[in-house]
Amino acid sequence: VYPFRCQVCTYRFRAWRPGTRYSRQSDDRR
């Protein structure tokens, strides 16, 4: 379960992405 940000309405939410691993994000925190 990972956090996401909508690029249109700017809503921040969490979504279940089974089997998907996201690596730690780069220094760009935008």
PDB file of all heavy atoms in Angstrom:
ATOM      1  N   VAL A   1       0.864  -1.174   0.000  1.00  0.00           N
ATOM      2  CA  VAL A   1       0.000   0.000   0.000  1.00  0.00           C
ATOM      3  C   VAL A   1       0.904   1.229   0.000  1.00  0.00           C
ATOM      4  O   VAL A   1       1.693   1.421   0.929  1.00  0.00           O
ATOM      5  CB  VAL A   1      -0.948   0.012   1.220  1.00  0.00           C
ATOM      6  CG1 VAL A   1      -1.792   1.284   1.224  1.00  0.00           C
ATOM      7  CG2 VAL A   1      -1.831  -1.223   1.225  1.00  0.00           C
ATOM      8  N   TYR A   2       0.775   2.055  -1.054  1.00  0.00           N
ATOM      9  CA  TYR A   2       1.663   3.196  -1.233  1.00  0.00           C
ATOM     10  C   TYR A   2       0.871   4.485  -1.389  1.00  0.00           C
ATOM     11  O   TYR A   2      -0.254   4.476  -1.885  1.00  0.00           O
ATOM     12  CB  TYR A   2       2.529   3.001  -2.481  1.00  0.00           C
ATOM     13  CG  TYR A   2       3.417   1.795  -2.409  1.00  0.00           C
ATOM     14  CD1 TYR A   2       3.054   0.596  -3.016  1.00  0.00           C
ATOM     15  CD2 TYR A   2       4.622   1.844  -1.723  1.00  0.00           C
ATOM     16  CE1 TYR A   2       3.872  -0.524  -2.954  1.00  0.00           C
ATOM     17  CE2 TYR A   2       5.448   0.729  -1.654  1.00  0.00           C
ATOM     18  CZ  TYR A   2       5.063  -0.448  -2.266  1.00  0.00           C
ATOM     19  OH  TYR A   2       5.880  -1.543  -2.194  1.00  0.00           O
ATOM     20  N   PRO A   3       1.476   5.628  -1.012  1.00  0.00           N
ATOM     21  CA  PRO A   3       0.810   6.923  -1.202  1.00  0.00           C
ATOM     22  C   PRO A   3       1.028   7.444  -2.625  1.00  0.00           C
ATOM     23  O   PRO A   3       2.086   7.249  -3.220  1.00  0.00           O
ATOM     24  CB  PRO A   3       1.504   7.826  -0.182  1.00  0.00           C
ATOM     25  CG  PRO A   3       2.860   7.229  -0.012  1.00  0.00           C
ATOM     26  CD  PRO A   3       2.701   5.747  -0.228  1.00  0.00           C
ATOM     27  N   PHE A   4      -0.003   8.107  -3.152  1.00  0.00           N
ATOM     28  CA  PHE A   4       0.041   8.715  -4.474  1.00  0.00           C
ATOM     29  C   PHE A   4      -0.546  10.114  -4.395  1.00  0.00           C
ATOM     30  O   PHE A   4      -1.298  10.435  -3.480  1.00  0.00           O
ATOM     31  CB  PHE A   4      -0.771   7.888  -5.488  1.00  0.00           C
ATOM     32  CG  PHE A   4      -0.163   6.563  -5.794  1.00  0.00           C
ATOM     33  CD1 PHE A   4      -0.472   5.451  -5.026  1.00  0.00           C
ATOM     34  CD2 PHE A   4       0.735   6.411  -6.838  1.00  0.00           C
ATOM     35  CE1 PHE A   4       0.090   4.212  -5.291  1.00  0.00           C
ATOM     36  CE2 PHE A   4       1.305   5.182  -7.109  1.00  0.00           C
ATOM     37  CZ  PHE A   4       0.987   4.081  -6.342  1.00  0.00           C
ATOM     38  N   ARG A   5      -0.220  10.960  -5.377  1.00  0.00           N
ATOM     39  CA  ARG A   5      -0.759  12.313  -5.469  1.00  0.00           C
ATOM     40  C   ARG A   5      -1.308  12.495  -6.872  1.00  0.00           C
ATOM     41  O   ARG A   5      -0.614  12.260  -7.858  1.00  0.00           O
ATOM     42  CB  ARG A   5       0.338  13.339  -5.207  1.00  0.00           C
ATOM     43  CG  ARG A   5      -0.030  14.760  -5.456  1.00  0.00           C
ATOM     44  CD  ARG A   5      -0.747  15.443  -4.339  1.00  0.00           C
ATOM     45  NE  ARG A   5       0.072  15.529  -3.139  1.00  0.00           N
ATOM     46  CZ  ARG A   5      -0.401  15.944  -1.984  1.00  0.00           C
ATOM     47  NH1 ARG A   5      -1.660  16.318  -1.878  1.00  0.00           N
ATOM     48  NH2 ARG A   5       0.361  15.981  -0.919  1.00  0.00           N
ATOM     49  N   CYS A   6      -2.585  12.894  -6.976  1.00  0.00           N
ATOM     50  CA  CYS A   6      -3.201  13.161  -8.270  1.00  0.00           C
ATOM     51  C   CYS A   6      -2.606  14.448  -8.836  1.00  0.00           C
ATOM     52  O   CYS A   6      -2.534  15.463  -8.139  1.00  0.00           O
ATOM     53  CB  CYS A   6      -4.714  13.287  -8.131  1.00  0.00           C
ATOM     54  SG  CYS A   6      -5.537  13.629  -9.702  1.00  0.00           S
ATOM     55  N   GLN A   7      -2.209  14.411 -10.098  1.00  0.00           N
ATOM     56  CA  GLN A   7      -1.617  15.576 -10.742  1.00  0.00           C
ATOM     57  C   GLN A   7      -2.670  16.552 -11.241  1.00  0.00           C
ATOM     58  O   GLN A   7      -2.344  17.648 -11.666  1.00  0.00           O
ATOM     59  CB  GLN A   7      -0.728  15.130 -11.908  1.00  0.00           C
ATOM     60  CG  GLN A   7       0.420  14.249 -11.476  1.00  0.00           C
ATOM     61  CD  GLN A   7       1.382  14.977 -10.569  1.00  0.00           C
ATOM     62  OE1 GLN A   7       2.070  15.899 -10.998  1.00  0.00           O
ATOM     63  NE2 GLN A   7       1.428  14.597  -9.307  1.00  0.00           N
ATOM     64  N   VAL A   8      -3.937  16.161 -11.186  1.00  0.00           N
ATOM     65  CA  VAL A   8      -5.016  17.023 -11.657  1.00  0.00           C
ATOM     66  C   VAL A   8      -5.713  17.719 -10.498  1.00  0.00           C
ATOM     67  O   VAL A   8      -5.717  18.933 -10.398  1.00  0.00           O
ATOM     68  CB  VAL A   8      -6.030  16.224 -12.502  1.00  0.00           C
ATOM     69  CG1 VAL A   8      -7.174  17.109 -12.956  1.00  0.00           C
ATOM     70  CG2 VAL A   8      -5.340  15.582 -13.694  1.00  0.00           C
ATOM     71  N   CYS A   9      -6.299  16.945  -9.582  1.00  0.00           N
ATOM     72  CA  CYS A   9      -7.052  17.557  -8.474  1.00  0.00           C
ATOM     73  C   CYS A   9      -6.211  17.702  -7.213  1.00  0.00           C
ATOM     74  O   CYS A   9      -6.683  18.238  -6.219  1.00  0.00           O
ATOM     75  CB  CYS A   9      -8.318  16.759  -8.184  1.00  0.00           C
ATOM     76  SG  CYS A   9      -8.056  15.176  -7.344  1.00  0.00           S
ATOM     77  N   THR A  10      -4.984  17.225  -7.210  1.00  0.00           N
ATOM     78  CA  THR A  10      -3.980  17.323  -6.137  1.00  0.00           C
ATOM     79  C   THR A  10      -4.313  16.477  -4.906  1.00  0.00           C
ATOM     80  O   THR A  10      -3.662  16.600  -3.885  1.00  0.00           O
ATOM     81  CB  THR A  10      -3.708  18.782  -5.696  1.00  0.00           C
ATOM     82  OG1 THR A  10      -4.821  19.290  -4.996  1.00  0.00           O
ATOM     83  CG2 THR A  10      -3.368  19.673  -6.892  1.00  0.00           C
ATOM     84  N   TYR A  11      -5.288  15.593  -5.010  1.00  0.00           N
ATOM     85  CA  TYR A  11      -5.694  14.746  -3.892  1.00  0.00           C
ATOM     86  C   TYR A  11      -4.597  13.723  -3.581  1.00  0.00           C
ATOM     87  O   TYR A  11      -4.050  13.096  -4.492  1.00  0.00           O
ATOM     88  CB  TYR A  11      -7.000  14.041  -4.243  1.00  0.00           C
ATOM     89  CG  TYR A  11      -7.595  13.204  -3.139  1.00  0.00           C
ATOM     90  CD1 TYR A  11      -8.021  13.779  -1.950  1.00  0.00           C
ATOM     91  CD2 TYR A  11      -7.760  11.839  -3.311  1.00  0.00           C
ATOM     92  CE1 TYR A  11      -8.583  13.013  -0.946  1.00  0.00           C
ATOM     93  CE2 TYR A  11      -8.323  11.057  -2.310  1.00  0.00           C
ATOM     94  CZ  TYR A  11      -8.734  11.654  -1.131  1.00  0.00           C
ATOM     95  OH  TYR A  11      -9.287  10.883  -0.141  1.00  0.00           O
ATOM     96  N   ARG A  12      -4.258  13.557  -2.300  1.00  0.00           N
ATOM     97  CA  ARG A  12      -3.277  12.550  -1.875  1.00  0.00           C
ATOM     98  C   ARG A  12      -4.051  11.361  -1.319  1.00  0.00           C
ATOM     99  O   ARG A  12      -4.954  11.531  -0.498  1.00  0.00           O
ATOM    100  CB  ARG A  12      -2.346  13.110  -0.812  1.00  0.00           C
ATOM    101  CG  ARG A  12      -1.195  12.165  -0.463  1.00  0.00           C
ATOM    102  CD  ARG A  12      -0.248  12.847   0.529  1.00  0.00           C
ATOM    103  NE  ARG A  12       0.962  12.080   0.738  1.00  0.00           N
ATOM    104  CZ  ARG A  12       1.076  11.079   1.602  1.00  0.00           C
ATOM    105  NH1 ARG A  12       0.051  10.703   2.337  1.00  0.00           N
ATOM    106  NH2 ARG A  12       2.228  10.443   1.736  1.00  0.00           N
ATOM    107  N   PHE A  13      -3.701  10.166  -1.777  1.00  0.00           N
ATOM    108  CA  PHE A  13      -4.414   8.966  -1.362  1.00  0.00           C
ATOM    109  C   PHE A  13      -3.454   7.785  -1.348  1.00  0.00           C
ATOM    110  O   PHE A  13      -2.318   7.881  -1.819  1.00  0.00           O
ATOM    111  CB  PHE A  13      -5.594   8.680  -2.310  1.00  0.00           C
ATOM    112  CG  PHE A  13      -5.167   8.431  -3.737  1.00  0.00           C
ATOM    113  CD1 PHE A  13      -4.996   7.134  -4.203  1.00  0.00           C
ATOM    114  CD2 PHE A  13      -4.941   9.483  -4.603  1.00  0.00           C
ATOM    115  CE1 PHE A  13      -4.590   6.895  -5.508  1.00  0.00           C
ATOM    116  CE2 PHE A  13      -4.529   9.253  -5.913  1.00  0.00           C
ATOM    117  CZ  PHE A  13      -4.364   7.958  -6.362  1.00  0.00           C
ATOM    118  N   ARG A  14      -3.910   6.670  -0.812  1.00  0.00           N
ATOM    119  CA  ARG A  14      -3.118   5.438  -0.801  1.00  0.00           C
ATOM    120  C   ARG A  14      -3.792   4.413  -1.695  1.00  0.00           C
ATOM    121  O   ARG A  14      -5.020   4.373  -1.769  1.00  0.00           O
ATOM    122  CB  ARG A  14      -3.004   4.894   0.617  1.00  0.00           C
ATOM    123  CG  ARG A  14      -2.265   5.818   1.549  1.00  0.00           C
ATOM    124  CD  ARG A  14      -2.138   5.206   2.933  1.00  0.00           C
ATOM    125  NE  ARG A  14      -1.713   6.209   3.879  1.00  0.00           N
ATOM    126  CZ  ARG A  14      -2.460   6.643   4.869  1.00  0.00           C
ATOM    127  NH1 ARG A  14      -3.656   6.151   5.087  1.00  0.00           N
ATOM    128  NH2 ARG A  14      -2.002   7.568   5.685  1.00  0.00           N
ATOM    129  N   ALA A  15      -2.968   3.598  -2.336  1.00  0.00           N
ATOM    130  CA  ALA A  15      -3.519   2.557  -3.214  1.00  0.00           C
ATOM    131  C   ALA A  15      -2.741   1.263  -3.009  1.00  0.00           C
ATOM    132  O   ALA A  15      -1.529   1.272  -2.778  1.00  0.00           O
ATOM    133  CB  ALA A  15      -3.434   2.988  -4.678  1.00  0.00           C
ATOM    134  N   TRP A  16      -3.459   0.172  -3.110  1.00  0.00           N
ATOM    135  CA  TRP A  16      -2.868  -1.157  -2.992  1.00  0.00           C
ATOM    136  C   TRP A  16      -2.324  -1.559  -4.347  1.00  0.00           C
ATOM    137  O   TRP A  16      -3.040  -1.563  -5.343  1.00  0.00           O
ATOM    138  CB  TRP A  16      -3.931  -2.143  -2.517  1.00  0.00           C
ATOM    139  CG  TRP A  16      -3.404  -3.525  -2.260  1.00  0.00           C
ATOM    140  CD1 TRP A  16      -2.295  -3.864  -1.561  1.00  0.00           C
ATOM    141  CD2 TRP A  16      -3.994  -4.753  -2.683  1.00  0.00           C
ATOM    142  NE1 TRP A  16      -2.145  -5.225  -1.512  1.00  0.00           N
ATOM    143  CE2 TRP A  16      -3.193  -5.799  -2.201  1.00  0.00           C
ATOM    144  CE3 TRP A  16      -5.132  -5.073  -3.421  1.00  0.00           C
ATOM    145  CZ2 TRP A  16      -3.472  -7.132  -2.441  1.00  0.00           C
ATOM    146  CZ3 TRP A  16      -5.415  -6.395  -3.650  1.00  0.00           C
ATOM    147  CH2 TRP A  16      -4.581  -7.413  -3.158  1.00  0.00           C
ATOM    148  N   ARG A  17      -1.058  -1.875  -4.413  1.00  0.00           N
ATOM    149  CA  ARG A  17      -0.379  -2.248  -5.656  1.00  0.00           C
ATOM    150  C   ARG A  17       0.260  -3.616  -5.455  1.00  0.00           C
ATOM    151  O   ARG A  17       1.473  -3.732  -5.288  1.00  0.00           O
ATOM    152  CB  ARG A  17       0.690  -1.207  -5.998  1.00  0.00           C
ATOM    153  CG  ARG A  17       0.178   0.215  -6.090  1.00  0.00           C
ATOM    154  CD  ARG A  17      -0.688   0.464  -7.284  1.00  0.00           C
ATOM    155  NE  ARG A  17       0.168   0.314  -8.441  1.00  0.00           N
ATOM    156  CZ  ARG A  17      -0.224  -0.206  -9.588  1.00  0.00           C
ATOM    157  NH1 ARG A  17      -1.451  -0.604  -9.742  1.00  0.00           N
ATOM    158  NH2 ARG A  17       0.609  -0.329 -10.584  1.00  0.00           N
ATOM    159  N   PRO A  18      -0.557  -4.693  -5.419  1.00  0.00           N
ATOM    160  CA  PRO A  18      -0.031  -6.024  -5.110  1.00  0.00           C
ATOM    161  C   PRO A  18       1.100  -6.436  -6.058  1.00  0.00           C
ATOM    162  O   PRO A  18       0.998  -6.265  -7.269  1.00  0.00           O
ATOM    163  CB  PRO A  18      -1.248  -6.938  -5.252  1.00  0.00           C
ATOM    164  CG  PRO A  18      -2.215  -6.182  -6.081  1.00  0.00           C
ATOM    165  CD  PRO A  18      -1.954  -4.739  -5.824  1.00  0.00           C
ATOM    166  N   GLY A  19       2.175  -6.908  -5.457  1.00  0.00           N
ATOM    167  CA  GLY A  19       3.316  -7.376  -6.237  1.00  0.00           C
ATOM    168  C   GLY A  19       4.245  -6.281  -6.711  1.00  0.00           C
ATOM    169  O   GLY A  19       5.276  -6.561  -7.319  1.00  0.00           O
ATOM    170  N   THR A  20       3.923  -5.039  -6.461  1.00  0.00           N
ATOM    171  CA  THR A  20       4.756  -3.923  -6.911  1.00  0.00           C
ATOM    172  C   THR A  20       5.561  -3.385  -5.742  1.00  0.00           C
ATOM    173  O   THR A  20       5.006  -3.057  -4.704  1.00  0.00           O
ATOM    174  CB  THR A  20       3.890  -2.780  -7.485  1.00  0.00           C
ATOM    175  OG1 THR A  20       3.084  -3.283  -8.536  1.00  0.00           O
ATOM    176  CG2 THR A  20       4.753  -1.646  -7.996  1.00  0.00           C
ATOM    177  N   ARG A  21       6.860  -3.327  -5.911  1.00  0.00           N
ATOM    178  CA  ARG A  21       7.738  -2.725  -4.899  1.00  0.00           C
ATOM    179  C   ARG A  21       8.333  -1.458  -5.498  1.00  0.00           C
ATOM    180  O   ARG A  21       8.900  -1.478  -6.581  1.00  0.00           O
ATOM    181  CB  ARG A  21       8.877  -3.681  -4.519  1.00  0.00           C
ATOM    182  CG  ARG A  21       8.438  -4.792  -3.620  1.00  0.00           C
ATOM    183  CD  ARG A  21       8.293  -4.298  -2.196  1.00  0.00           C
ATOM    184  NE  ARG A  21       7.826  -5.393  -1.366  1.00  0.00           N
ATOM    185  CZ  ARG A  21       6.947  -5.254  -0.400  1.00  0.00           C
ATOM    186  NH1 ARG A  21       6.446  -4.075  -0.126  1.00  0.00           N
ATOM    187  NH2 ARG A  21       6.569  -6.278   0.299  1.00  0.00           N
ATOM    188  N   TYR A  22       8.172  -0.376  -4.787  1.00  0.00           N
ATOM    189  CA  TYR A  22       8.770   0.888  -5.208  1.00  0.00           C
ATOM    190  C   TYR A  22      10.040   1.093  -4.412  1.00  0.00           C
ATOM    191  O   TYR A  22      10.057   0.927  -3.194  1.00  0.00           O
ATOM    192  CB  TYR A  22       7.812   2.051  -4.954  1.00  0.00           C
ATOM    193  CG  TYR A  22       6.600   2.034  -5.849  1.00  0.00           C
ATOM    194  CD1 TYR A  22       5.388   1.544  -5.386  1.00  0.00           C
ATOM    195  CD2 TYR A  22       6.667   2.502  -7.145  1.00  0.00           C
ATOM    196  CE1 TYR A  22       4.263   1.530  -6.197  1.00  0.00           C
ATOM    197  CE2 TYR A  22       5.559   2.485  -7.971  1.00  0.00           C
ATOM    198  CZ  TYR A  22       4.357   2.004  -7.482  1.00  0.00           C
ATOM    199  OH  TYR A  22       3.256   1.992  -8.285  1.00  0.00           O
ATOM    200  N   SER A  23      11.089   1.462  -5.096  1.00  0.00           N
ATOM    201  CA  SER A  23      12.338   1.731  -4.395  1.00  0.00           C
ATOM    202  C   SER A  23      12.233   3.090  -3.720  1.00  0.00           C
ATOM    203  O   SER A  23      11.366   3.896  -4.031  1.00  0.00           O
ATOM    204  CB  SER A  23      13.509   1.708  -5.371  1.00  0.00           C
ATOM    205  OG  SER A  23      13.331   2.717  -6.349  1.00  0.00           O
ATOM    206  N   ARG A  24      13.130   3.319  -2.803  1.00  0.00           N
ATOM    207  CA  ARG A  24      13.173   4.595  -2.110  1.00  0.00           C
ATOM    208  C   ARG A  24      13.326   5.694  -3.153  1.00  0.00           C
ATOM    209  O   ARG A  24      14.084   5.563  -4.107  1.00  0.00           O
ATOM    210  CB  ARG A  24      14.356   4.611  -1.159  1.00  0.00           C
ATOM    211  CG  ARG A  24      14.275   5.690  -0.132  1.00  0.00           C
ATOM    212  CD  ARG A  24      15.339   5.460   0.877  1.00  0.00           C
ATOM    213  NE  ARG A  24      14.858   4.436   1.801  1.00  0.00           N
ATOM    214  CZ  ARG A  24      14.848   4.595   3.108  1.00  0.00           C
ATOM    215  NH1 ARG A  24      15.319   5.689   3.631  1.00  0.00           N
ATOM    216  NH2 ARG A  24      14.385   3.649   3.886  1.00  0.00           N
ATOM    217  N   GLN A  25      12.609   6.783  -2.980  1.00  0.00           N
ATOM    218  CA  GLN A  25      12.622   7.841  -3.986  1.00  0.00           C
ATOM    219  C   GLN A  25      13.899   8.655  -3.914  1.00  0.00           C
ATOM    220  O   GLN A  25      14.548   8.738  -2.884  1.00  0.00           O
ATOM    221  CB  GLN A  25      11.396   8.726  -3.823  1.00  0.00           C
ATOM    222  CG  GLN A  25      10.129   7.941  -4.122  1.00  0.00           C
ATOM    223  CD  GLN A  25       8.908   8.818  -4.155  1.00  0.00           C
ATOM    224  OE1 GLN A  25       8.892   9.890  -3.604  1.00  0.00           O
ATOM    225  NE2 GLN A  25       7.885   8.340  -4.814  1.00  0.00           N
ATOM    226  N   SER A  26      14.210   9.281  -5.054  1.00  0.00           N
ATOM    227  CA  SER A  26      15.421  10.083  -5.158  1.00  0.00           C
ATOM    228  C   SER A  26      15.309  11.336  -4.297  1.00  0.00           C
ATOM    229  O   SER A  26      14.303  11.583  -3.651  1.00  0.00           O
ATOM    230  CB  SER A  26      15.645  10.471  -6.624  1.00  0.00           C
ATOM    231  OG  SER A  26      14.610  11.350  -7.029  1.00  0.00           O
ATOM    232  N   ASP A  27      16.328  12.151  -4.355  1.00  0.00           N
ATOM    233  CA  ASP A  27      16.359  13.383  -3.573  1.00  0.00           C
ATOM    234  C   ASP A  27      15.288  14.378  -4.010  1.00  0.00           C
ATOM    235  O   ASP A  27      14.936  15.279  -3.268  1.00  0.00           O
ATOM    236  CB  ASP A  27      17.732  14.040  -3.671  1.00  0.00           C
ATOM    237  CG  ASP A  27      18.788  13.226  -2.947  1.00  0.00           C
ATOM    238  OD1 ASP A  27      18.423  12.445  -2.048  1.00  0.00           O
ATOM    239  OD2 ASP A  27      19.973  13.363  -3.290  1.00  0.00           O
ATOM    240  N   ASP A  28      14.787  14.239  -5.245  1.00  0.00           N
ATOM    241  CA  ASP A  28      13.731  15.125  -5.722  1.00  0.00           C
ATOM    242  C   ASP A  28      12.424  14.722  -5.055  1.00  0.00           C
ATOM    243  O   ASP A  28      11.835  13.705  -5.370  1.00  0.00           O
ATOM    244  CB  ASP A  28      13.615  15.032  -7.244  1.00  0.00           C
ATOM    245  CG  ASP A  28      12.611  16.030  -7.806  1.00  0.00           C
ATOM    246  OD1 ASP A  28      11.982  16.774  -7.013  1.00  0.00           O
ATOM    247  OD2 ASP A  28      12.458  16.061  -9.029  1.00  0.00           O
ATOM    248  N   ARG A  29      11.972  15.520  -4.109  1.00  0.00           N
ATOM    249  CA  ARG A  29      10.778  15.181  -3.333  1.00  0.00           C
ATOM    250  C   ARG A  29       9.520  15.843  -3.876  1.00  0.00           C
ATOM    251  O   ARG A  29       8.495  15.869  -3.220  1.00  0.00           O
ATOM    252  CB  ARG A  29      10.990  15.589  -1.875  1.00  0.00           C
ATOM    253  CG  ARG A  29      12.117  14.797  -1.228  1.00  0.00           C
ATOM    254  CD  ARG A  29      12.399  15.319   0.142  1.00  0.00           C
ATOM    255  NE  ARG A  29      12.815  16.719   0.007  1.00  0.00           N
ATOM    256  CZ  ARG A  29      12.963  17.564   1.012  1.00  0.00           C
ATOM    257  NH1 ARG A  29      12.716  17.193   2.221  1.00  0.00           N
ATOM    258  NH2 ARG A  29      13.354  18.796   0.817  1.00  0.00           N
ATOM    259  N   ARG A  30       9.574  16.386  -5.073  1.00  0.00           N
ATOM    260  CA  ARG A  30       8.404  17.036  -5.651  1.00  0.00           C
ATOM    261  C   ARG A  30       7.280  16.036  -5.822  1.00  0.00           C
ATOM    262  O   ARG A  30       7.493  14.919  -6.256  1.00  0.00           O
ATOM    263  CB  ARG A  30       8.743  17.639  -7.003  1.00  0.00           C
ATOM    264  CG  ARG A  30       9.695  18.799  -6.909  1.00  0.00           C
ATOM    265  CD  ARG A  30       9.990  19.331  -8.288  1.00  0.00           C
ATOM    266  NE  ARG A  30      10.873  20.473  -8.179  1.00  0.00           N
ATOM    267  CZ  ARG A  30      11.830  20.747  -9.034  1.00  0.00           C
ATOM    268  NH1 ARG A  30      12.023  19.960 -10.072  1.00  0.00           N
ATOM    269  NH2 ARG A  30      12.585  21.796  -8.871  1.00  0.00           N
TER     270      ARG A  30
END
